[in-house]
Amino acid sequence: MSQTEEGVNKTWSRGEVEQTLQEILMDALGVEEENIRSEVSLVHDLGAESIDLLDIGFRVHQTFGVELPTKAIQDSALSWRNMGELTQILEERYGVRVTPEEIEQFHMMGIPGVLNWVAEQKGIAIQNGEAEKVAEELADRLAREVESVGFKASMIDKGGIVKLLIENLNSPKIREGMIRLFSVGAMVDFITERVGER
């Protein structure tokens, strides 16, 4: 049995996963051991780029037999378009259909602005507090998106996202937050759940 096969078939402790992943990251990214802490983001803090994430994903797969969702996270972060989700919510909550042309003007608005527009243009009465409810629903949908690629939704600061959505539906901080979820600790959790002791 090769060393790779042995690692793939092994049951790993959390500590072993953490140590081995640390070695992979030090080698792949050329960073010092003291820079690799649980809360550190691979992209924002350690400077990992797309090619680095592919390399790390390959090494993790070779070592643990686990496929990291790096591409799925990147794709989700880049393609998260709350406009499509928002139009679904508007239709479900208020029975209002919004055309793609109408959606174009929402890009720089926050949810209160969108709801004011809907009230004026579609003749719908919007209650006080609705903007927060719609923002919370959008944040919940984002959390489900994160879960769909294998990470814990509890890692998302839903309160922070709700505030961002109230201010600007297309805040780049939302996408940055998704990419930031790809932290050392999240990777350790992800790998340990798949190869760890039960």
N, C-alpha and C. Protein backbone atom coordinates (compact mmCIF):
# COMPACT_ATOMS: atom_id res chain seq x y z
N MET A 1 0.86 -1.19 0.00
CA MET A 1 0.00 0.00 0.00
C MET A 1 0.89 1.24 0.00
N SER A 2 0.60 2.17 -0.91
CA SER A 2 1.41 3.39 -0.98
C SER A 2 1.07 4.32 0.18
N GLN A 3 1.93 5.31 0.40
CA GLN A 3 1.71 6.27 1.48
C GLN A 3 0.41 7.05 1.25
N THR A 4 0.12 7.38 -0.02
CA THR A 4 -1.11 8.10 -0.34
C THR A 4 -2.33 7.26 0.00
N GLU A 5 -2.32 5.98 -0.41
CA GLU A 5 -3.45 5.09 -0.11
C GLU A 5 -3.61 4.91 1.38
N GLU A 6 -2.50 4.82 2.10
CA GLU A 6 -2.54 4.66 3.54
C GLU A 6 -3.21 5.85 4.20
N GLY A 7 -2.87 7.07 3.76
CA GLY A 7 -3.47 8.28 4.31
C GLY A 7 -4.95 8.37 4.01
N VAL A 8 -5.33 7.99 2.80
CA VAL A 8 -6.73 8.05 2.37
C VAL A 8 -7.58 7.08 3.18
N ASN A 9 -7.03 5.93 3.51
CA ASN A 9 -7.79 4.91 4.23
C ASN A 9 -7.69 5.04 5.75
N LYS A 10 -6.93 5.98 6.23
CA LYS A 10 -6.69 6.18 7.65
C LYS A 10 -7.84 6.96 8.28
N THR A 11 -8.07 6.71 9.57
CA THR A 11 -8.96 7.56 10.35
C THR A 11 -8.08 8.57 11.06
N TRP A 12 -8.35 9.84 10.82
CA TRP A 12 -7.50 10.91 11.32
C TRP A 12 -8.12 11.57 12.55
N SER A 13 -7.28 11.95 13.50
CA SER A 13 -7.76 12.77 14.61
C SER A 13 -7.79 14.22 14.12
N ARG A 14 -8.52 15.04 14.82
CA ARG A 14 -8.58 16.47 14.45
C ARG A 14 -7.18 17.08 14.50
N GLY A 15 -6.41 16.73 15.51
CA GLY A 15 -5.06 17.26 15.65
C GLY A 15 -4.17 16.86 14.48
N GLU A 16 -4.31 15.61 14.04
CA GLU A 16 -3.52 15.14 12.88
C GLU A 16 -3.92 15.88 11.61
N VAL A 17 -5.22 16.10 11.43
CA VAL A 17 -5.70 16.85 10.27
C VAL A 17 -5.12 18.26 10.31
N GLU A 18 -5.20 18.88 11.48
CA GLU A 18 -4.71 20.26 11.64
C GLU A 18 -3.22 20.35 11.32
N GLN A 19 -2.43 19.44 11.87
CA GLN A 19 -0.98 19.46 11.66
C GLN A 19 -0.64 19.21 10.19
N THR A 20 -1.27 18.22 9.59
CA THR A 20 -0.98 17.88 8.20
C THR A 20 -1.41 19.00 7.26
N LEU A 21 -2.57 19.58 7.52
CA LEU A 21 -3.03 20.70 6.69
C LEU A 21 -2.08 21.89 6.84
N GLN A 22 -1.62 22.13 8.03
CA GLN A 22 -0.66 23.22 8.26
C GLN A 22 0.59 23.01 7.40
N GLU A 23 1.08 21.79 7.35
CA GLU A 23 2.26 21.48 6.53
C GLU A 23 1.97 21.70 5.05
N ILE A 24 0.79 21.30 4.61
CA ILE A 24 0.40 21.49 3.21
C ILE A 24 0.37 22.99 2.89
N LEU A 25 -0.23 23.77 3.77
CA LEU A 25 -0.36 25.21 3.52
C LEU A 25 0.99 25.92 3.56
N MET A 26 1.86 25.53 4.48
CA MET A 26 3.20 26.13 4.55
C MET A 26 3.95 25.89 3.25
N ASP A 27 3.87 24.66 2.76
CA ASP A 27 4.59 24.31 1.53
C ASP A 27 3.96 24.96 0.30
N ALA A 28 2.63 24.90 0.20
CA ALA A 28 1.94 25.42 -0.99
C ALA A 28 1.99 26.94 -1.08
N LEU A 29 1.90 27.62 0.07
CA LEU A 29 1.81 29.08 0.06
C LEU A 29 3.09 29.77 0.49
N GLY A 30 4.06 28.99 0.96
CA GLY A 30 5.32 29.58 1.41
C GLY A 30 5.15 30.50 2.61
N VAL A 31 4.24 30.14 3.51
CA VAL A 31 4.01 30.96 4.70
C VAL A 31 4.60 30.27 5.93
N GLU A 32 4.86 31.06 6.95
CA GLU A 32 5.42 30.54 8.19
C GLU A 32 4.33 29.91 9.05
N GLU A 33 4.74 28.97 9.87
CA GLU A 33 3.82 28.22 10.72
C GLU A 33 2.97 29.15 11.60
N GLU A 34 3.59 30.19 12.17
CA GLU A 34 2.85 31.08 13.08
C GLU A 34 1.76 31.88 12.38
N ASN A 35 1.79 31.95 11.06
CA ASN A 35 0.75 32.67 10.31
C ASN A 35 -0.48 31.83 10.05
N ILE A 36 -0.39 30.54 10.31
CA ILE A 36 -1.50 29.63 10.01
C ILE A 36 -2.27 29.36 11.30
N ARG A 37 -3.32 30.15 11.48
CA ARG A 37 -4.20 30.01 12.64
C ARG A 37 -5.61 29.69 12.15
N SER A 38 -6.42 29.18 13.02
CA SER A 38 -7.76 28.71 12.67
C SER A 38 -8.60 29.77 11.95
N GLU A 39 -8.56 31.01 12.42
CA GLU A 39 -9.44 32.05 11.87
C GLU A 39 -8.91 32.69 10.59
N VAL A 40 -7.72 32.32 10.17
CA VAL A 40 -7.07 32.94 9.02
C VAL A 40 -7.72 32.48 7.71
N SER A 41 -8.04 33.45 6.86
CA SER A 41 -8.59 33.17 5.54
C SER A 41 -7.46 32.85 4.57
N LEU A 42 -7.63 31.79 3.79
CA LEU A 42 -6.60 31.43 2.82
C LEU A 42 -6.39 32.53 1.79
N VAL A 43 -7.47 33.13 1.34
CA VAL A 43 -7.39 34.14 0.29
C VAL A 43 -6.98 35.50 0.85
N HIS A 44 -7.74 35.99 1.83
CA HIS A 44 -7.52 37.35 2.32
C HIS A 44 -6.28 37.48 3.19
N ASP A 45 -5.98 36.48 4.01
CA ASP A 45 -4.87 36.61 4.96
C ASP A 45 -3.58 35.94 4.49
N LEU A 46 -3.71 34.81 3.81
CA LEU A 46 -2.51 34.08 3.37
C LEU A 46 -2.17 34.32 1.90
N GLY A 47 -3.03 35.06 1.21
CA GLY A 47 -2.73 35.44 -0.17
C GLY A 47 -2.91 34.36 -1.20
N ALA A 48 -3.67 33.31 -0.89
CA ALA A 48 -3.89 32.23 -1.86
C ALA A 48 -4.67 32.76 -3.06
N GLU A 49 -4.22 32.37 -4.23
CA GLU A 49 -4.90 32.71 -5.47
C GLU A 49 -5.53 31.44 -6.03
N SER A 50 -6.26 31.57 -7.12
CA SER A 50 -6.97 30.41 -7.69
C SER A 50 -6.05 29.23 -7.92
N ILE A 51 -4.88 29.47 -8.47
CA ILE A 51 -3.94 28.37 -8.76
C ILE A 51 -3.46 27.72 -7.46
N ASP A 52 -3.28 28.52 -6.41
CA ASP A 52 -2.88 27.99 -5.11
C ASP A 52 -3.98 27.10 -4.54
N LEU A 53 -5.22 27.54 -4.69
CA LEU A 53 -6.34 26.75 -4.16
C LEU A 53 -6.46 25.42 -4.89
N LEU A 54 -6.17 25.42 -6.18
CA LEU A 54 -6.17 24.16 -6.94
C LEU A 54 -5.08 23.23 -6.41
N ASP A 55 -3.89 23.79 -6.18
CA ASP A 55 -2.77 23.02 -5.66
C ASP A 55 -3.09 22.46 -4.27
N ILE A 56 -3.64 23.30 -3.40
CA ILE A 56 -4.00 22.86 -2.05
C ILE A 56 -5.07 21.78 -2.13
N GLY A 57 -6.06 22.00 -3.00
CA GLY A 57 -7.11 20.99 -3.17
C GLY A 57 -6.55 19.66 -3.63
N PHE A 58 -5.59 19.69 -4.57
CA PHE A 58 -4.95 18.47 -5.05
C PHE A 58 -4.21 17.77 -3.91
N ARG A 59 -3.44 18.53 -3.14
CA ARG A 59 -2.66 17.96 -2.03
C ARG A 59 -3.58 17.37 -0.96
N VAL A 60 -4.66 18.07 -0.66
CA VAL A 60 -5.61 17.56 0.34
C VAL A 60 -6.24 16.27 -0.16
N HIS A 61 -6.58 16.24 -1.44
CA HIS A 61 -7.17 15.03 -2.00
C HIS A 61 -6.18 13.87 -1.95
N GLN A 62 -4.94 14.14 -2.30
CA GLN A 62 -3.90 13.09 -2.27
C GLN A 62 -3.66 12.59 -0.85
N THR A 63 -3.69 13.48 0.11
CA THR A 63 -3.37 13.12 1.50
C THR A 63 -4.54 12.49 2.22
N PHE A 64 -5.71 13.11 2.11
CA PHE A 64 -6.86 12.68 2.91
C PHE A 64 -7.93 11.94 2.10
N GLY A 65 -7.86 12.04 0.77
CA GLY A 65 -8.91 11.46 -0.06
C GLY A 65 -10.19 12.29 -0.04
N VAL A 66 -10.05 13.57 0.29
CA VAL A 66 -11.20 14.47 0.41
C VAL A 66 -11.12 15.52 -0.69
N GLU A 67 -12.23 15.72 -1.35
CA GLU A 67 -12.33 16.73 -2.39
C GLU A 67 -12.77 18.04 -1.74
N LEU A 68 -11.89 19.03 -1.73
CA LEU A 68 -12.25 20.34 -1.18
C LEU A 68 -13.16 21.07 -2.14
N PRO A 69 -14.14 21.79 -1.63
CA PRO A 69 -15.06 22.52 -2.51
C PRO A 69 -14.54 23.89 -2.90
N THR A 70 -13.25 24.01 -3.16
CA THR A 70 -12.68 25.33 -3.46
C THR A 70 -13.33 25.97 -4.68
N LYS A 71 -13.49 25.21 -5.73
CA LYS A 71 -14.10 25.76 -6.95
C LYS A 71 -15.56 26.12 -6.69
N ALA A 72 -16.26 25.27 -5.96
CA ALA A 72 -17.66 25.55 -5.66
C ALA A 72 -17.82 26.82 -4.84
N ILE A 73 -16.91 27.04 -3.89
CA ILE A 73 -16.97 28.25 -3.08
C ILE A 73 -16.67 29.47 -3.94
N GLN A 74 -15.62 29.38 -4.74
CA GLN A 74 -15.30 30.51 -5.62
C GLN A 74 -16.45 30.81 -6.57
N ASP A 75 -16.99 29.76 -7.17
CA ASP A 75 -18.10 29.95 -8.10
C ASP A 75 -19.31 30.54 -7.39
N SER A 76 -19.61 30.04 -6.19
CA SER A 76 -20.75 30.56 -5.43
C SER A 76 -20.54 32.02 -5.07
N ALA A 77 -19.34 32.34 -4.63
CA ALA A 77 -19.05 33.72 -4.23
C ALA A 77 -19.17 34.66 -5.43
N LEU A 78 -18.70 34.21 -6.58
CA LEU A 78 -18.73 35.07 -7.76
C LEU A 78 -20.11 35.13 -8.39
N SER A 79 -20.85 34.03 -8.28
CA SER A 79 -22.14 34.00 -8.97
C SER A 79 -23.31 34.33 -8.07
N TRP A 80 -23.07 34.51 -6.76
CA TRP A 80 -24.18 34.83 -5.87
C TRP A 80 -24.82 36.11 -6.36
N ARG A 81 -26.02 35.97 -6.84
CA ARG A 81 -26.75 37.12 -7.36
C ARG A 81 -28.04 37.22 -6.58
N ASN A 82 -28.05 38.08 -5.61
CA ASN A 82 -29.24 38.18 -4.79
C ASN A 82 -30.42 38.79 -5.54
N MET A 83 -30.20 39.27 -6.78
CA MET A 83 -31.31 39.80 -7.55
C MET A 83 -32.31 38.69 -7.91
N GLY A 84 -31.79 37.56 -8.35
CA GLY A 84 -32.66 36.43 -8.66
C GLY A 84 -33.40 35.95 -7.43
N GLU A 85 -32.68 35.86 -6.32
CA GLU A 85 -33.31 35.46 -5.06
C GLU A 85 -34.33 36.50 -4.62
N LEU A 86 -33.97 37.77 -4.77
CA LEU A 86 -34.87 38.84 -4.36
C LEU A 86 -36.16 38.82 -5.16
N THR A 87 -36.07 38.60 -6.47
CA THR A 87 -37.29 38.57 -7.28
C THR A 87 -38.20 37.41 -6.85
N GLN A 88 -37.60 36.28 -6.47
CA GLN A 88 -38.40 35.16 -5.96
C GLN A 88 -39.12 35.55 -4.67
N ILE A 89 -38.39 36.22 -3.79
CA ILE A 89 -38.99 36.64 -2.52
C ILE A 89 -40.12 37.63 -2.76
N LEU A 90 -39.91 38.59 -3.67
CA LEU A 90 -40.97 39.57 -3.96
C LEU A 90 -42.22 38.88 -4.49
N GLU A 91 -42.01 37.89 -5.34
CA GLU A 91 -43.16 37.17 -5.90
C GLU A 91 -43.85 36.34 -4.82
N GLU A 92 -43.07 35.65 -3.99
CA GLU A 92 -43.65 34.81 -2.94
C GLU A 92 -44.37 35.64 -1.87
N ARG A 93 -43.75 36.73 -1.45
CA ARG A 93 -44.30 37.53 -0.34
C ARG A 93 -45.43 38.46 -0.77
N TYR A 94 -45.27 39.07 -1.96
CA TYR A 94 -46.19 40.13 -2.35
C TYR A 94 -46.95 39.84 -3.64
N GLY A 95 -46.66 38.70 -4.27
CA GLY A 95 -47.33 38.38 -5.52
C GLY A 95 -46.94 39.32 -6.66
N VAL A 96 -45.74 39.89 -6.58
CA VAL A 96 -45.28 40.89 -7.55
C VAL A 96 -44.23 40.26 -8.46
N ARG A 97 -44.43 40.45 -9.76
CA ARG A 97 -43.42 40.02 -10.73
C ARG A 97 -42.62 41.23 -11.16
N VAL A 98 -41.30 41.06 -11.18
CA VAL A 98 -40.41 42.14 -11.57
C VAL A 98 -39.65 41.68 -12.80
N THR A 99 -39.65 42.48 -13.85
CA THR A 99 -38.97 42.11 -15.09
C THR A 99 -37.46 42.31 -14.95
N PRO A 100 -36.68 41.64 -15.80
CA PRO A 100 -35.23 41.84 -15.77
C PRO A 100 -34.84 43.30 -15.98
N GLU A 101 -35.60 44.01 -16.81
CA GLU A 101 -35.31 45.43 -17.04
C GLU A 101 -35.52 46.23 -15.76
N GLU A 102 -36.57 45.90 -15.03
CA GLU A 102 -36.85 46.61 -13.78
C GLU A 102 -35.79 46.30 -12.72
N ILE A 103 -35.30 45.08 -12.73
CA ILE A 103 -34.29 44.65 -11.75
C ILE A 103 -33.01 45.47 -11.90
N GLU A 104 -32.69 45.87 -13.12
CA GLU A 104 -31.46 46.61 -13.38
C GLU A 104 -31.30 47.82 -12.45
N GLN A 105 -32.39 48.48 -12.15
CA GLN A 105 -32.29 49.68 -11.32
C GLN A 105 -32.09 49.37 -9.84
N PHE A 106 -32.23 48.11 -9.44
CA PHE A 106 -32.07 47.74 -8.03
C PHE A 106 -30.61 47.62 -7.61
N HIS A 107 -29.70 47.50 -8.55
CA HIS A 107 -28.31 47.16 -8.24
C HIS A 107 -27.64 48.06 -7.21
N MET A 108 -27.95 49.31 -7.19
CA MET A 108 -27.30 50.21 -6.23
C MET A 108 -28.20 50.52 -5.04
N MET A 109 -29.34 49.87 -4.98
CA MET A 109 -30.29 50.12 -3.89
C MET A 109 -30.07 49.14 -2.74
N GLY A 110 -30.56 49.55 -1.60
CA GLY A 110 -30.71 48.62 -0.49
C GLY A 110 -32.13 48.11 -0.52
N ILE A 111 -32.44 47.18 0.34
CA ILE A 111 -33.78 46.59 0.33
C ILE A 111 -34.88 47.63 0.60
N PRO A 112 -34.69 48.60 1.51
CA PRO A 112 -35.77 49.60 1.68
C PRO A 112 -36.08 50.34 0.37
N GLY A 113 -35.06 50.67 -0.39
CA GLY A 113 -35.27 51.34 -1.68
C GLY A 113 -36.04 50.47 -2.65
N VAL A 114 -35.70 49.18 -2.68
CA VAL A 114 -36.41 48.25 -3.55
C VAL A 114 -37.88 48.16 -3.15
N LEU A 115 -38.12 48.03 -1.86
CA LEU A 115 -39.51 47.91 -1.40
C LEU A 115 -40.30 49.19 -1.65
N ASN A 116 -39.66 50.35 -1.52
CA ASN A 116 -40.32 51.61 -1.85
C ASN A 116 -40.69 51.64 -3.33
N TRP A 117 -39.76 51.19 -4.17
CA TRP A 117 -40.02 51.15 -5.61
C TRP A 117 -41.20 50.22 -5.90
N VAL A 118 -41.19 49.03 -5.27
CA VAL A 118 -42.27 48.06 -5.48
C VAL A 118 -43.60 48.66 -5.05
N ALA A 119 -43.60 49.34 -3.90
CA ALA A 119 -44.84 49.94 -3.40
C ALA A 119 -45.37 50.98 -4.40
N GLU A 120 -44.47 51.82 -4.90
CA GLU A 120 -44.89 52.88 -5.83
C GLU A 120 -45.29 52.34 -7.20
N GLN A 121 -44.47 51.46 -7.75
CA GLN A 121 -44.68 50.99 -9.12
C GLN A 121 -45.74 49.88 -9.25
N LYS A 122 -45.85 49.06 -8.22
CA LYS A 122 -46.75 47.91 -8.31
C LYS A 122 -48.00 48.06 -7.45
N GLY A 123 -48.07 49.19 -6.71
CA GLY A 123 -49.26 49.45 -5.91
C GLY A 123 -49.44 48.50 -4.74
N ILE A 124 -48.36 48.09 -4.15
CA ILE A 124 -48.41 47.15 -3.03
C ILE A 124 -48.12 47.91 -1.74
N ALA A 125 -48.89 47.63 -0.70
CA ALA A 125 -48.62 48.24 0.61
C ALA A 125 -47.54 47.42 1.31
N ILE A 126 -46.50 48.11 1.75
CA ILE A 126 -45.39 47.45 2.45
C ILE A 126 -45.43 47.89 3.91
N GLN A 127 -45.44 46.92 4.79
CA GLN A 127 -45.51 47.20 6.23
C GLN A 127 -44.14 47.61 6.77
N ASN A 128 -44.17 48.32 7.89
CA ASN A 128 -42.92 48.64 8.60
C ASN A 128 -42.24 47.34 9.01
N GLY A 129 -40.93 47.32 8.92
CA GLY A 129 -40.17 46.14 9.31
C GLY A 129 -40.01 45.12 8.20
N GLU A 130 -40.65 45.35 7.07
CA GLU A 130 -40.56 44.39 5.96
C GLU A 130 -39.15 44.32 5.38
N ALA A 131 -38.45 45.42 5.33
CA ALA A 131 -37.09 45.41 4.76
C ALA A 131 -36.20 44.45 5.53
N GLU A 132 -36.29 44.47 6.85
CA GLU A 132 -35.48 43.57 7.68
C GLU A 132 -35.87 42.11 7.43
N LYS A 133 -37.17 41.86 7.29
CA LYS A 133 -37.63 40.48 7.04
C LYS A 133 -37.13 39.96 5.70
N VAL A 134 -37.20 40.81 4.68
CA VAL A 134 -36.72 40.42 3.35
C VAL A 134 -35.21 40.20 3.40
N ALA A 135 -34.49 41.08 4.09
CA ALA A 135 -33.03 40.93 4.22
C ALA A 135 -32.68 39.64 4.96
N GLU A 136 -33.42 39.32 6.00
CA GLU A 136 -33.18 38.08 6.74
C GLU A 136 -33.43 36.86 5.85
N GLU A 137 -34.47 36.92 5.04
CA GLU A 137 -34.75 35.81 4.14
C GLU A 137 -33.64 35.65 3.10
N LEU A 138 -33.14 36.76 2.57
CA LEU A 138 -32.01 36.69 1.63
C LEU A 138 -30.77 36.12 2.32
N ALA A 139 -30.51 36.54 3.55
CA ALA A 139 -29.35 36.03 4.30
C ALA A 139 -29.51 34.53 4.55
N ASP A 140 -30.72 34.07 4.83
CA ASP A 140 -30.96 32.63 5.02
C ASP A 140 -30.68 31.86 3.73
N ARG A 141 -31.06 32.43 2.61
CA ARG A 141 -30.79 31.77 1.33
C ARG A 141 -29.29 31.71 1.04
N LEU A 142 -28.58 32.75 1.43
CA LEU A 142 -27.12 32.73 1.28
C LEU A 142 -26.52 31.65 2.17
N ALA A 143 -27.05 31.51 3.38
CA ALA A 143 -26.56 30.46 4.29
C ALA A 143 -26.79 29.08 3.69
N ARG A 144 -27.93 28.88 3.06
CA ARG A 144 -28.19 27.59 2.41
C ARG A 144 -27.22 27.34 1.27
N GLU A 145 -26.85 28.41 0.56
CA GLU A 145 -25.87 28.30 -0.52
C GLU A 145 -24.52 27.83 0.04
N VAL A 146 -24.13 28.40 1.17
CA VAL A 146 -22.87 28.01 1.82
C VAL A 146 -22.94 26.54 2.25
N GLU A 147 -24.06 26.14 2.83
CA GLU A 147 -24.23 24.74 3.24
C GLU A 147 -24.18 23.79 2.04
N SER A 148 -24.67 24.25 0.90
CA SER A 148 -24.72 23.37 -0.26
C SER A 148 -23.33 22.99 -0.76
N VAL A 149 -22.30 23.78 -0.41
CA VAL A 149 -20.94 23.42 -0.81
C VAL A 149 -20.17 22.76 0.33
N GLY A 150 -20.86 22.45 1.44
CA GLY A 150 -20.25 21.65 2.49
C GLY A 150 -19.74 22.39 3.70
N PHE A 151 -19.99 23.69 3.79
CA PHE A 151 -19.55 24.45 4.96
C PHE A 151 -20.73 24.73 5.87
N LYS A 152 -20.44 25.05 7.11
CA LYS A 152 -21.49 25.27 8.10
C LYS A 152 -22.04 26.69 7.96
N ALA A 153 -23.37 26.78 7.88
CA ALA A 153 -24.01 28.09 7.76
C ALA A 153 -23.77 28.92 9.01
N SER A 154 -23.49 28.27 10.14
CA SER A 154 -23.26 29.01 11.38
C SER A 154 -22.02 29.90 11.28
N MET A 155 -21.18 29.65 10.27
CA MET A 155 -19.98 30.46 10.08
C MET A 155 -20.31 31.84 9.51
N ILE A 156 -21.51 31.99 8.99
CA ILE A 156 -21.89 33.26 8.37
C ILE A 156 -22.40 34.23 9.43
N ASP A 157 -21.99 35.46 9.32
CA ASP A 157 -22.48 36.54 10.18
C ASP A 157 -23.76 37.06 9.54
N LYS A 158 -24.87 36.38 9.84
CA LYS A 158 -26.13 36.75 9.19
C LYS A 158 -26.56 38.17 9.55
N GLY A 159 -26.31 38.59 10.79
CA GLY A 159 -26.67 39.95 11.19
C GLY A 159 -25.92 40.97 10.36
N GLY A 160 -24.63 40.70 10.12
CA GLY A 160 -23.82 41.61 9.30
C GLY A 160 -24.30 41.64 7.87
N ILE A 161 -24.69 40.49 7.35
CA ILE A 161 -25.18 40.43 5.97
C ILE A 161 -26.50 41.17 5.84
N VAL A 162 -27.38 41.02 6.84
CA VAL A 162 -28.66 41.73 6.81
C VAL A 162 -28.39 43.23 6.72
N LYS A 163 -27.45 43.74 7.53
CA LYS A 163 -27.12 45.17 7.49
C LYS A 163 -26.61 45.59 6.11
N LEU A 164 -25.76 44.75 5.52
CA LEU A 164 -25.24 45.07 4.19
C LEU A 164 -26.36 45.10 3.16
N LEU A 165 -27.27 44.15 3.23
CA LEU A 165 -28.38 44.09 2.27
C LEU A 165 -29.32 45.29 2.42
N ILE A 166 -29.48 45.76 3.63
CA ILE A 166 -30.31 46.94 3.87
C ILE A 166 -29.69 48.15 3.16
N GLU A 167 -28.36 48.22 3.19
CA GLU A 167 -27.65 49.36 2.60
C GLU A 167 -27.47 49.24 1.09
N ASN A 168 -27.05 48.04 0.62
CA ASN A 168 -26.73 47.87 -0.79
C ASN A 168 -26.79 46.38 -1.13
N LEU A 169 -27.71 46.02 -1.99
CA LEU A 169 -27.88 44.61 -2.36
C LEU A 169 -26.63 43.99 -2.96
N ASN A 170 -25.83 44.78 -3.62
CA ASN A 170 -24.64 44.26 -4.29
C ASN A 170 -23.35 44.63 -3.60
N SER A 171 -23.39 44.74 -2.30
CA SER A 171 -22.18 45.07 -1.56
C SER A 171 -21.11 44.02 -1.84
N PRO A 172 -19.92 44.43 -2.26
CA PRO A 172 -18.84 43.46 -2.48
C PRO A 172 -18.44 42.75 -1.19
N LYS A 173 -18.81 43.31 -0.07
CA LYS A 173 -18.47 42.69 1.22
C LYS A 173 -19.18 41.35 1.40
N ILE A 174 -20.32 41.18 0.73
CA ILE A 174 -21.03 39.89 0.84
C ILE A 174 -20.20 38.80 0.16
N ARG A 175 -19.72 39.06 -1.05
CA ARG A 175 -18.89 38.07 -1.75
C ARG A 175 -17.57 37.85 -1.01
N GLU A 176 -16.98 38.94 -0.51
CA GLU A 176 -15.74 38.81 0.26
C GLU A 176 -15.96 37.93 1.48
N GLY A 177 -17.12 38.11 2.12
CA GLY A 177 -17.45 37.30 3.29
C GLY A 177 -17.54 35.82 2.96
N MET A 178 -18.08 35.49 1.79
CA MET A 178 -18.16 34.09 1.39
C MET A 178 -16.77 33.51 1.17
N ILE A 179 -15.91 34.28 0.52
CA ILE A 179 -14.55 33.79 0.28
C ILE A 179 -13.79 33.68 1.60
N ARG A 180 -14.05 34.59 2.53
CA ARG A 180 -13.40 34.56 3.84
C ARG A 180 -13.77 33.29 4.62
N LEU A 181 -14.93 32.71 4.30
CA LEU A 181 -15.33 31.47 4.96
C LEU A 181 -14.32 30.35 4.72
N PHE A 182 -13.55 30.48 3.66
CA PHE A 182 -12.55 29.47 3.35
C PHE A 182 -11.32 29.72 4.22
N SER A 183 -11.49 29.45 5.50
CA SER A 183 -10.43 29.67 6.49
C SER A 183 -9.76 28.35 6.83
N VAL A 184 -8.64 28.45 7.52
CA VAL A 184 -7.92 27.25 7.95
C VAL A 184 -8.82 26.40 8.83
N GLY A 185 -9.48 27.02 9.80
CA GLY A 185 -10.37 26.28 10.70
C GLY A 185 -11.51 25.59 9.98
N ALA A 186 -12.10 26.29 9.00
CA ALA A 186 -13.19 25.70 8.22
C ALA A 186 -12.70 24.49 7.43
N MET A 187 -11.49 24.58 6.90
CA MET A 187 -10.92 23.44 6.17
C MET A 187 -10.68 22.27 7.10
N VAL A 188 -10.15 22.55 8.28
CA VAL A 188 -9.91 21.47 9.26
C VAL A 188 -11.24 20.80 9.60
N ASP A 189 -12.27 21.60 9.87
CA ASP A 189 -13.60 21.04 10.18
C ASP A 189 -14.12 20.20 9.02
N PHE A 190 -14.02 20.73 7.82
CA PHE A 190 -14.52 20.06 6.63
C PHE A 190 -13.83 18.70 6.44
N ILE A 191 -12.51 18.70 6.54
CA ILE A 191 -11.75 17.45 6.35
C ILE A 191 -12.01 16.48 7.48
N THR A 192 -12.00 16.98 8.71
CA THR A 192 -12.19 16.10 9.88
C THR A 192 -13.55 15.42 9.85
N GLU A 193 -14.59 16.14 9.41
CA GLU A 193 -15.91 15.54 9.31
C GLU A 193 -15.93 14.36 8.36
N ARG A 194 -15.04 14.36 7.38
CA ARG A 194 -15.04 13.30 6.38
C ARG A 194 -14.06 12.17 6.65
N VAL A 195 -13.00 12.45 7.40
CA VAL A 195 -11.99 11.40 7.62
C VAL A 195 -11.67 11.19 9.11
N GLY A 196 -12.36 11.94 9.96
CA GLY A 196 -12.03 11.90 11.38
C GLY A 196 -12.64 10.76 12.14
N GLU A 197 -12.17 10.66 13.37
CA GLU A 197 -12.67 9.64 14.29
C GLU A 197 -14.13 9.92 14.59
N ARG A 198 -14.90 8.89 14.64
CA ARG A 198 -16.34 9.03 14.92
C ARG A 198 -16.61 8.85 16.39
